Amino acid sequence: MEQNINYPIDPSWSVPEIEKVAHLFNLVADAYEVGINPAQFTKAYHDFKDVVPTKAQEKQLGREFYRQSGYQLYDVVKATRTSKQKRLKLKQE
């Protein structure tokens, strides 16, 4: 599904920080659309946590992204932690 999504971005972030956050949200969308490598997602999630260290801000950004896209950050994080597969694809509810 091809759609324009406005990523939740904090204007105080640097360009590399914005790239890390955008990369993670791209992978979240890919997890629903085409499938992802869980190890690649885990690396991107750790990079994201360098930018967004608090759970509260992570949840806020995840909710904003869900409103824009219908894709759940939390569901992808949870699935990658429990998945033993080399490729992970989620179904949108």
PDB file of N, CA and C in Angstrom:
ATOM      1  N   MET A   1       0.850  -1.165   0.000  1.00  0.00           N
ATOM      2  CA  MET A   1       0.000   0.000   0.000  1.00  0.00           C
ATOM      3  C   MET A   1       0.898   1.231   0.000  1.00  0.00           C
ATOM      4  N   GLU A   2       0.769   2.061  -0.983  1.00  0.00           N
ATOM      5  CA  GLU A   2       1.564   3.266  -1.131  1.00  0.00           C
ATOM      6  C   GLU A   2       0.793   4.434  -0.535  1.00  0.00           C
ATOM      7  N   GLN A   3       1.360   5.055   0.501  1.00  0.00           N
ATOM      8  CA  GLN A   3       0.695   6.189   1.120  1.00  0.00           C
ATOM      9  C   GLN A   3       1.738   7.189   1.599  1.00  0.00           C
ATOM     10  N   ASN A   4       1.330   8.447   1.688  1.00  0.00           N
ATOM     11  CA  ASN A   4       2.205   9.475   2.225  1.00  0.00           C
ATOM     12  C   ASN A   4       2.008   9.536   3.726  1.00  0.00           C
ATOM     13  N   ILE A   5       3.082   9.375   4.450  1.00  0.00           N
ATOM     14  CA  ILE A   5       3.028   9.377   5.907  1.00  0.00           C
ATOM     15  C   ILE A   5       3.904  10.514   6.416  1.00  0.00           C
ATOM     16  N   ASN A   6       3.357  11.330   7.292  1.00  0.00           N
ATOM     17  CA  ASN A   6       4.141  12.359   7.965  1.00  0.00           C
ATOM     18  C   ASN A   6       4.708  11.753   9.236  1.00  0.00           C
ATOM     19  N   TYR A   7       6.016  11.587   9.266  1.00  0.00           N
ATOM     20  CA  TYR A   7       6.647  10.983  10.431  1.00  0.00           C
ATOM     21  C   TYR A   7       6.649  11.960  11.599  1.00  0.00           C
ATOM     22  N   PRO A   8       6.461  11.438  12.812  1.00  0.00           N
ATOM     23  CA  PRO A   8       6.531  12.303  13.990  1.00  0.00           C
ATOM     24  C   PRO A   8       7.994  12.682  14.255  1.00  0.00           C
ATOM     25  N   ILE A   9       8.324  13.932  14.037  1.00  0.00           N
ATOM     26  CA  ILE A   9       9.695  14.417  14.143  1.00  0.00           C
ATOM     27  C   ILE A   9       9.742  15.586  15.129  1.00  0.00           C
ATOM     28  N   ASP A  10      10.752  15.593  15.974  1.00  0.00           N
ATOM     29  CA  ASP A  10      10.982  16.699  16.902  1.00  0.00           C
ATOM     30  C   ASP A  10      11.910  17.702  16.212  1.00  0.00           C
ATOM     31  N   PRO A  11      11.509  18.966  16.102  1.00  0.00           N
ATOM     32  CA  PRO A  11      12.347  19.947  15.398  1.00  0.00           C
ATOM     33  C   PRO A  11      13.709  20.189  16.057  1.00  0.00           C
ATOM     34  N   SER A  12      13.881  19.773  17.296  1.00  0.00           N
ATOM     35  CA  SER A  12      15.169  19.976  17.966  1.00  0.00           C
ATOM     36  C   SER A  12      16.197  18.901  17.600  1.00  0.00           C
ATOM     37  N   TRP A  13      15.768  17.840  16.909  1.00  0.00           N
ATOM     38  CA  TRP A  13      16.691  16.776  16.534  1.00  0.00           C
ATOM     39  C   TRP A  13      17.627  17.223  15.418  1.00  0.00           C
ATOM     40  N   SER A  14      18.827  16.661  15.414  1.00  0.00           N
ATOM     41  CA  SER A  14      19.779  16.897  14.332  1.00  0.00           C
ATOM     42  C   SER A  14      19.366  16.062  13.115  1.00  0.00           C
ATOM     43  N   VAL A  15      19.991  16.329  11.987  1.00  0.00           N
ATOM     44  CA  VAL A  15      19.686  15.568  10.768  1.00  0.00           C
ATOM     45  C   VAL A  15      19.970  14.071  10.966  1.00  0.00           C
ATOM     46  N   PRO A  16      21.122  13.684  11.542  1.00  0.00           N
ATOM     47  CA  PRO A  16      21.345  12.243  11.762  1.00  0.00           C
ATOM     48  C   PRO A  16      20.300  11.619  12.690  1.00  0.00           C
ATOM     49  N   GLU A  17      19.842  12.365  13.687  1.00  0.00           N
ATOM     50  CA  GLU A  17      18.808  11.838  14.581  1.00  0.00           C
ATOM     51  C   GLU A  17      17.489  11.646  13.836  1.00  0.00           C
ATOM     52  N   ILE A  18      17.140  12.610  13.003  1.00  0.00           N
ATOM     53  CA  ILE A  18      15.917  12.497  12.196  1.00  0.00           C
ATOM     54  C   ILE A  18      16.012  11.284  11.278  1.00  0.00           C
ATOM     55  N   GLU A  19      17.192  11.065  10.693  1.00  0.00           N
ATOM     56  CA  GLU A  19      17.383   9.913   9.809  1.00  0.00           C
ATOM     57  C   GLU A  19      17.187   8.598  10.562  1.00  0.00           C
ATOM     58  N   LYS A  20      17.664   8.514  11.796  1.00  0.00           N
ATOM     59  CA  LYS A  20      17.498   7.291  12.600  1.00  0.00           C
ATOM     60  C   LYS A  20      16.027   7.024  12.890  1.00  0.00           C
ATOM     61  N   VAL A  21      15.304   8.073  13.272  1.00  0.00           N
ATOM     62  CA  VAL A  21      13.882   7.923  13.595  1.00  0.00           C
ATOM     63  C   VAL A  21      13.093   7.566  12.338  1.00  0.00           C
ATOM     64  N   ALA A  22      13.364   8.260  11.237  1.00  0.00           N
ATOM     65  CA  ALA A  22      12.656   7.984   9.985  1.00  0.00           C
ATOM     66  C   ALA A  22      12.942   6.559   9.505  1.00  0.00           C
ATOM     67  N   HIS A  23      14.189   6.116   9.652  1.00  0.00           N
ATOM     68  CA  HIS A  23      14.547   4.754   9.238  1.00  0.00           C
ATOM     69  C   HIS A  23      13.742   3.719  10.025  1.00  0.00           C
ATOM     70  N   LEU A  24      13.620   3.933  11.337  1.00  0.00           N
ATOM     71  CA  LEU A  24      12.846   2.996  12.146  1.00  0.00           C
ATOM     72  C   LEU A  24      11.397   2.961  11.679  1.00  0.00           C
ATOM     73  N   PHE A  25      10.788   4.122  11.466  1.00  0.00           N
ATOM     74  CA  PHE A  25       9.389   4.140  11.057  1.00  0.00           C
ATOM     75  C   PHE A  25       9.205   3.572   9.648  1.00  0.00           C
ATOM     76  N   ASN A  26      10.205   3.721   8.783  1.00  0.00           N
ATOM     77  CA  ASN A  26      10.159   3.052   7.473  1.00  0.00           C
ATOM     78  C   ASN A  26      10.125   1.537   7.654  1.00  0.00           C
ATOM     79  N   LEU A  27      10.934   1.031   8.576  1.00  0.00           N
ATOM     80  CA  LEU A  27      10.950  -0.411   8.827  1.00  0.00           C
ATOM     81  C   LEU A  27       9.639  -0.892   9.440  1.00  0.00           C
ATOM     82  N   VAL A  28       9.021  -0.071  10.287  1.00  0.00           N
ATOM     83  CA  VAL A  28       7.718  -0.439  10.850  1.00  0.00           C
ATOM     84  C   VAL A  28       6.719  -0.610   9.712  1.00  0.00           C
ATOM     85  N   ALA A  29       6.682   0.352   8.787  1.00  0.00           N
ATOM     86  CA  ALA A  29       5.769   0.253   7.643  1.00  0.00           C
ATOM     87  C   ALA A  29       6.105  -0.978   6.799  1.00  0.00           C
ATOM     88  N   ASP A  30       7.392  -1.212   6.565  1.00  0.00           N
ATOM     89  CA  ASP A  30       7.807  -2.381   5.782  1.00  0.00           C
ATOM     90  C   ASP A  30       7.399  -3.689   6.456  1.00  0.00           C
ATOM     91  N   ALA A  31       7.400  -3.707   7.785  1.00  0.00           N
ATOM     92  CA  ALA A  31       7.008  -4.923   8.508  1.00  0.00           C
ATOM     93  C   ALA A  31       5.587  -5.327   8.155  1.00  0.00           C
ATOM     94  N   TYR A  32       4.746  -4.370   7.867  1.00  0.00           N
ATOM     95  CA  TYR A  32       3.360  -4.654   7.502  1.00  0.00           C
ATOM     96  C   TYR A  32       3.188  -4.842   5.992  1.00  0.00           C
ATOM     97  N   GLU A  33       3.998  -4.153   5.211  1.00  0.00           N
ATOM     98  CA  GLU A  33       3.797  -4.147   3.761  1.00  0.00           C
ATOM     99  C   GLU A  33       4.558  -5.248   3.032  1.00  0.00           C
ATOM    100  N   VAL A  34       5.839  -5.430   3.356  1.00  0.00           N
ATOM    101  CA  VAL A  34       6.659  -6.382   2.596  1.00  0.00           C
ATOM    102  C   VAL A  34       7.418  -7.382   3.453  1.00  0.00           C
ATOM    103  N   GLY A  35       7.535  -7.110   4.731  1.00  0.00           N
ATOM    104  CA  GLY A  35       8.306  -7.961   5.627  1.00  0.00           C
ATOM    105  C   GLY A  35       9.686  -7.378   5.875  1.00  0.00           C
ATOM    106  N   ILE A  36      10.254  -7.704   7.037  1.00  0.00           N
ATOM    107  CA  ILE A  36      11.561  -7.174   7.427  1.00  0.00           C
ATOM    108  C   ILE A  36      12.424  -8.265   8.038  1.00  0.00           C
ATOM    109  N   ASN A  37      13.708  -7.987   8.110  1.00  0.00           N
ATOM    110  CA  ASN A  37      14.659  -8.825   8.825  1.00  0.00           C
ATOM    111  C   ASN A  37      14.631  -8.372  10.289  1.00  0.00           C
ATOM    112  N   PRO A  38      14.257  -9.241  11.232  1.00  0.00           N
ATOM    113  CA  PRO A  38      14.176  -8.829  12.633  1.00  0.00           C
ATOM    114  C   PRO A  38      15.489  -8.271  13.198  1.00  0.00           C
ATOM    115  N   ALA A  39      16.618  -8.819  12.786  1.00  0.00           N
ATOM    116  CA  ALA A  39      17.906  -8.325  13.284  1.00  0.00           C
ATOM    117  C   ALA A  39      18.155  -6.894  12.813  1.00  0.00           C
ATOM    118  N   GLN A  40      17.785  -6.599  11.571  1.00  0.00           N
ATOM    119  CA  GLN A  40      17.938  -5.243  11.039  1.00  0.00           C
ATOM    120  C   GLN A  40      17.035  -4.279  11.812  1.00  0.00           C
ATOM    121  N   PHE A  41      15.827  -4.719  12.128  1.00  0.00           N
ATOM    122  CA  PHE A  41      14.910  -3.872  12.887  1.00  0.00           C
ATOM    123  C   PHE A  41      15.450  -3.620  14.293  1.00  0.00           C
ATOM    124  N   THR A  42      15.993  -4.656  14.924  1.00  0.00           N
ATOM    125  CA  THR A  42      16.534  -4.510  16.279  1.00  0.00           C
ATOM    126  C   THR A  42      17.651  -3.479  16.307  1.00  0.00           C
ATOM    127  N   LYS A  43      18.526  -3.505  15.304  1.00  0.00           N
ATOM    128  CA  LYS A  43      19.609  -2.505  15.210  1.00  0.00           C
ATOM    129  C   LYS A  43      19.020  -1.110  15.058  1.00  0.00           C
ATOM    130  N   ALA A  44      18.036  -0.952  14.174  1.00  0.00           N
ATOM    131  CA  ALA A  44      17.410   0.354  13.964  1.00  0.00           C
ATOM    132  C   ALA A  44      16.694   0.827  15.226  1.00  0.00           C
ATOM    133  N   TYR A  45      16.099  -0.107  15.962  1.00  0.00           N
ATOM    134  CA  TYR A  45      15.402   0.249  17.200  1.00  0.00           C
ATOM    135  C   TYR A  45      16.401   0.758  18.244  1.00  0.00           C
ATOM    136  N   HIS A  46      17.563   0.129  18.346  1.00  0.00           N
ATOM    137  CA  HIS A  46      18.585   0.598  19.287  1.00  0.00           C
ATOM    138  C   HIS A  46      19.078   1.992  18.897  1.00  0.00           C
ATOM    139  N   ASP A  47      19.241   2.247  17.600  1.00  0.00           N
ATOM    140  CA  ASP A  47      19.617   3.584  17.130  1.00  0.00           C
ATOM    141  C   ASP A  47      18.529   4.598  17.479  1.00  0.00           C
ATOM    142  N   PHE A  48      17.280   4.203  17.297  1.00  0.00           N
ATOM    143  CA  PHE A  48      16.125   5.045  17.637  1.00  0.00           C
ATOM    144  C   PHE A  48      16.136   5.380  19.132  1.00  0.00           C
ATOM    145  N   LYS A  49      16.440   4.388  19.973  1.00  0.00           N
ATOM    146  CA  LYS A  49      16.451   4.607  21.422  1.00  0.00           C
ATOM    147  C   LYS A  49      17.577   5.546  21.850  1.00  0.00           C
ATOM    148  N   ASP A  50      18.629   5.680  21.039  1.00  0.00           N
ATOM    149  CA  ASP A  50      19.660   6.685  21.318  1.00  0.00           C
ATOM    150  C   ASP A  50      19.079   8.089  21.185  1.00  0.00           C
ATOM    151  N   VAL A  51      18.140   8.253  20.267  1.00  0.00           N
ATOM    152  CA  VAL A  51      17.499   9.547  20.017  1.00  0.00           C
ATOM    153  C   VAL A  51      16.321   9.756  20.966  1.00  0.00           C
ATOM    154  N   VAL A  52      15.555   8.701  21.197  1.00  0.00           N
ATOM    155  CA  VAL A  52      14.329   8.757  22.005  1.00  0.00           C
ATOM    156  C   VAL A  52      14.497   7.794  23.189  1.00  0.00           C
ATOM    157  N   PRO A  53      15.186   8.241  24.251  1.00  0.00           N
ATOM    158  CA  PRO A  53      15.491   7.317  25.339  1.00  0.00           C
ATOM    159  C   PRO A  53      14.327   7.001  26.282  1.00  0.00           C
ATOM    160  N   THR A  54      13.323   7.865  26.356  1.00  0.00           N
ATOM    161  CA  THR A  54      12.252   7.623  27.331  1.00  0.00           C
ATOM    162  C   THR A  54      11.103   6.828  26.723  1.00  0.00           C
ATOM    163  N   LYS A  55      10.517   5.964  27.542  1.00  0.00           N
ATOM    164  CA  LYS A  55       9.349   5.176  27.106  1.00  0.00           C
ATOM    165  C   LYS A  55       8.187   6.101  26.766  1.00  0.00           C
ATOM    166  N   ALA A  56       8.008   7.165  27.558  1.00  0.00           N
ATOM    167  CA  ALA A  56       6.885   8.081  27.334  1.00  0.00           C
ATOM    168  C   ALA A  56       6.967   8.724  25.954  1.00  0.00           C
ATOM    169  N   GLN A  57       8.145   9.198  25.574  1.00  0.00           N
ATOM    170  CA  GLN A  57       8.294   9.818  24.253  1.00  0.00           C
ATOM    171  C   GLN A  57       8.161   8.768  23.152  1.00  0.00           C
ATOM    172  N   GLU A  58       8.686   7.568  23.387  1.00  0.00           N
ATOM    173  CA  GLU A  58       8.536   6.486  22.406  1.00  0.00           C
ATOM    174  C   GLU A  58       7.056   6.186  22.172  1.00  0.00           C
ATOM    175  N   LYS A  59       6.289   6.092  23.256  1.00  0.00           N
ATOM    176  CA  LYS A  59       4.854   5.815  23.129  1.00  0.00           C
ATOM    177  C   LYS A  59       4.138   6.942  22.405  1.00  0.00           C
ATOM    178  N   GLN A  60       4.507   8.183  22.717  1.00  0.00           N
ATOM    179  CA  GLN A  60       3.881   9.331  22.056  1.00  0.00           C
ATOM    180  C   GLN A  60       4.154   9.303  20.552  1.00  0.00           C
ATOM    181  N   LEU A  61       5.405   9.077  20.178  1.00  0.00           N
ATOM    182  CA  LEU A  61       5.759   9.019  18.758  1.00  0.00           C
ATOM    183  C   LEU A  61       5.086   7.831  18.079  1.00  0.00           C
ATOM    184  N   GLY A  62       5.032   6.705  18.776  1.00  0.00           N
ATOM    185  CA  GLY A  62       4.362   5.523  18.233  1.00  0.00           C
ATOM    186  C   GLY A  62       2.887   5.774  17.975  1.00  0.00           C
ATOM    187  N   ARG A  63       2.221   6.473  18.903  1.00  0.00           N
ATOM    188  CA  ARG A  63       0.796   6.803  18.717  1.00  0.00           C
ATOM    189  C   ARG A  63       0.596   7.748  17.535  1.00  0.00           C
ATOM    190  N   GLU A  64       1.480   8.755  17.435  1.00  0.00           N
ATOM    191  CA  GLU A  64       1.380   9.686  16.305  1.00  0.00           C
ATOM    192  C   GLU A  64       1.576   8.947  14.984  1.00  0.00           C
ATOM    193  N   PHE A  65       2.545   8.045  14.941  1.00  0.00           N
ATOM    194  CA  PHE A  65       2.794   7.282  13.722  1.00  0.00           C
ATOM    195  C   PHE A  65       1.605   6.386  13.398  1.00  0.00           C
ATOM    196  N   TYR A  66       1.014   5.778  14.411  1.00  0.00           N
ATOM    197  CA  TYR A  66      -0.164   4.928  14.208  1.00  0.00           C
ATOM    198  C   TYR A  66      -1.322   5.735  13.626  1.00  0.00           C
ATOM    199  N   ARG A  67      -1.534   6.938  14.131  1.00  0.00           N
ATOM    200  CA  ARG A  67      -2.617   7.786  13.596  1.00  0.00           C
ATOM    201  C   ARG A  67      -2.379   8.130  12.124  1.00  0.00           C
ATOM    202  N   GLN A  68      -1.129   8.312  11.753  1.00  0.00           N
ATOM    203  CA  GLN A  68      -0.784   8.657  10.373  1.00  0.00           C
ATOM    204  C   GLN A  68      -0.863   7.452   9.434  1.00  0.00           C
ATOM    205  N   SER A  69      -0.453   6.286   9.942  1.00  0.00           N
ATOM    206  CA  SER A  69      -0.237   5.144   9.052  1.00  0.00           C
ATOM    207  C   SER A  69      -1.117   3.925   9.324  1.00  0.00           C
ATOM    208  N   GLY A  70      -1.559   3.776  10.556  1.00  0.00           N
ATOM    209  CA  GLY A  70      -2.269   2.558  10.942  1.00  0.00           C
ATOM    210  C   GLY A  70      -1.328   1.436  11.348  1.00  0.00           C
ATOM    211  N   TYR A  71      -0.024   1.713  11.424  1.00  0.00           N
ATOM    212  CA  TYR A  71       0.980   0.719  11.783  1.00  0.00           C
ATOM    213  C   TYR A  71       1.443   0.944  13.221  1.00  0.00           C
ATOM    214  N   GLN A  72       1.539  -0.150  13.993  1.00  0.00           N
ATOM    215  CA  GLN A  72       1.890  -0.084  15.412  1.00  0.00           C
ATOM    216  C   GLN A  72       3.377  -0.356  15.643  1.00  0.00           C
ATOM    217  N   LEU A  73       4.095   0.620  16.145  1.00  0.00           N
ATOM    218  CA  LEU A  73       5.498   0.432  16.517  1.00  0.00           C
ATOM    219  C   LEU A  73       5.626  -0.673  17.564  1.00  0.00           C
ATOM    220  N   TYR A  74       4.806  -0.624  18.591  1.00  0.00           N
ATOM    221  CA  TYR A  74       4.889  -1.603  19.686  1.00  0.00           C
ATOM    222  C   TYR A  74       4.728  -3.036  19.179  1.00  0.00           C
ATOM    223  N   ASP A  75       3.789  -3.251  18.279  1.00  0.00           N
ATOM    224  CA  ASP A  75       3.559  -4.606  17.762  1.00  0.00           C
ATOM    225  C   ASP A  75       4.782  -5.147  17.028  1.00  0.00           C
ATOM    226  N   VAL A  76       5.472  -4.275  16.294  1.00  0.00           N
ATOM    227  CA  VAL A  76       6.668  -4.716  15.562  1.00  0.00           C
ATOM    228  C   VAL A  76       7.800  -5.013  16.548  1.00  0.00           C
ATOM    229  N   VAL A  77       7.978  -4.138  17.545  1.00  0.00           N
ATOM    230  CA  VAL A  77       9.012  -4.374  18.561  1.00  0.00           C
ATOM    231  C   VAL A  77       8.755  -5.710  19.259  1.00  0.00           C
ATOM    232  N   LYS A  78       7.528  -5.927  19.670  1.00  0.00           N
ATOM    233  CA  LYS A  78       7.158  -7.165  20.372  1.00  0.00           C
ATOM    234  C   LYS A  78       7.384  -8.394  19.480  1.00  0.00           C
ATOM    235  N   ALA A  79       6.979  -8.305  18.227  1.00  0.00           N
ATOM    236  CA  ALA A  79       7.123  -9.437  17.303  1.00  0.00           C
ATOM    237  C   ALA A  79       8.589  -9.761  17.035  1.00  0.00           C
ATOM    238  N   THR A  80       9.440  -8.743  16.911  1.00  0.00           N
ATOM    239  CA  THR A  80      10.856  -9.017  16.643  1.00  0.00           C
ATOM    240  C   THR A  80      11.532  -9.658  17.847  1.00  0.00           C
ATOM    241  N   ARG A  81      11.060  -9.352  19.043  1.00  0.00           N
ATOM    242  CA  ARG A  81      11.650  -9.948  20.250  1.00  0.00           C
ATOM    243  C   ARG A  81      11.317 -11.427  20.375  1.00  0.00           C
ATOM    244  N   THR A  82      10.177 -11.837  19.852  1.00  0.00           N
ATOM    245  CA  THR A  82       9.748 -13.226  20.007  1.00  0.00           C
ATOM    246  C   THR A  82       9.948 -14.066  18.744  1.00  0.00           C
ATOM    247  N   SER A  83      10.254 -13.424  17.623  1.00  0.00           N
ATOM    248  CA  SER A  83      10.346 -14.132  16.351  1.00  0.00           C
ATOM    249  C   SER A  83      11.659 -14.894  16.215  1.00  0.00           C
ATOM    250  N   LYS A  84      11.566 -16.079  15.699  1.00  0.00           N
ATOM    251  CA  LYS A  84      12.747 -16.886  15.370  1.00  0.00           C
ATOM    252  C   LYS A  84      12.956 -16.927  13.849  1.00  0.00           C
ATOM    253  N   GLN A  85      12.063 -16.254  13.115  1.00  0.00           N
ATOM    254  CA  GLN A  85      12.113 -16.272  11.655  1.00  0.00           C
ATOM    255  C   GLN A  85      13.163 -15.287  11.140  1.00  0.00           C
ATOM    256  N   LYS A  86      13.629 -15.538   9.920  1.00  0.00           N
ATOM    257  CA  LYS A  86      14.578 -14.630   9.289  1.00  0.00           C
ATOM    258  C   LYS A  86      13.874 -13.459   8.622  1.00  0.00           C
ATOM    259  N   ARG A  87      12.585 -13.634   8.370  1.00  0.00           N
ATOM    260  CA  ARG A  87      11.779 -12.581   7.743  1.00  0.00           C
ATOM    261  C   ARG A  87      10.477 -12.494   8.526  1.00  0.00           C
ATOM    262  N   LEU A  88      10.098 -11.285   8.875  1.00  0.00           N
ATOM    263  CA  LEU A  88       8.910 -11.070   9.689  1.00  0.00           C
ATOM    264  C   LEU A  88       7.939 -10.160   8.946  1.00  0.00           C
ATOM    265  N   LYS A  89       6.692 -10.611   8.825  1.00  0.00           N
ATOM    266  CA  LYS A  89       5.658  -9.793   8.190  1.00  0.00           C
ATOM    267  C   LYS A  89       4.428  -9.829   9.079  1.00  0.00           C
ATOM    268  N   LEU A  90       3.950  -8.649   9.443  1.00  0.00           N
ATOM    269  CA  LEU A  90       2.778  -8.541  10.305  1.00  0.00           C
ATOM    270  C   LEU A  90       1.545  -8.251   9.476  1.00  0.00           C
ATOM    271  N   LYS A  91       0.398  -8.584  10.033  1.00  0.00           N
ATOM    272  CA  LYS A  91      -0.881  -8.279   9.393  1.00  0.00           C
ATOM    273  C   LYS A  91      -1.482  -7.073  10.085  1.00  0.00           C
ATOM    274  N   GLN A  92      -1.966  -6.147   9.281  1.00  0.00           N
ATOM    275  CA  GLN A  92      -2.596  -4.950   9.836  1.00  0.00           C
ATOM    276  C   GLN A  92      -3.994  -5.290  10.327  1.00  0.00           C
ATOM    277  N   GLU A  93      -4.326  -4.830  11.514  1.00  0.00           N
ATOM    278  CA  GLU A  93      -5.649  -5.112  12.090  1.00  0.00           C
ATOM    279  C   GLU A  93      -6.690  -4.165  11.569  1.00  0.00           C
TER     280      GLU A  93
END
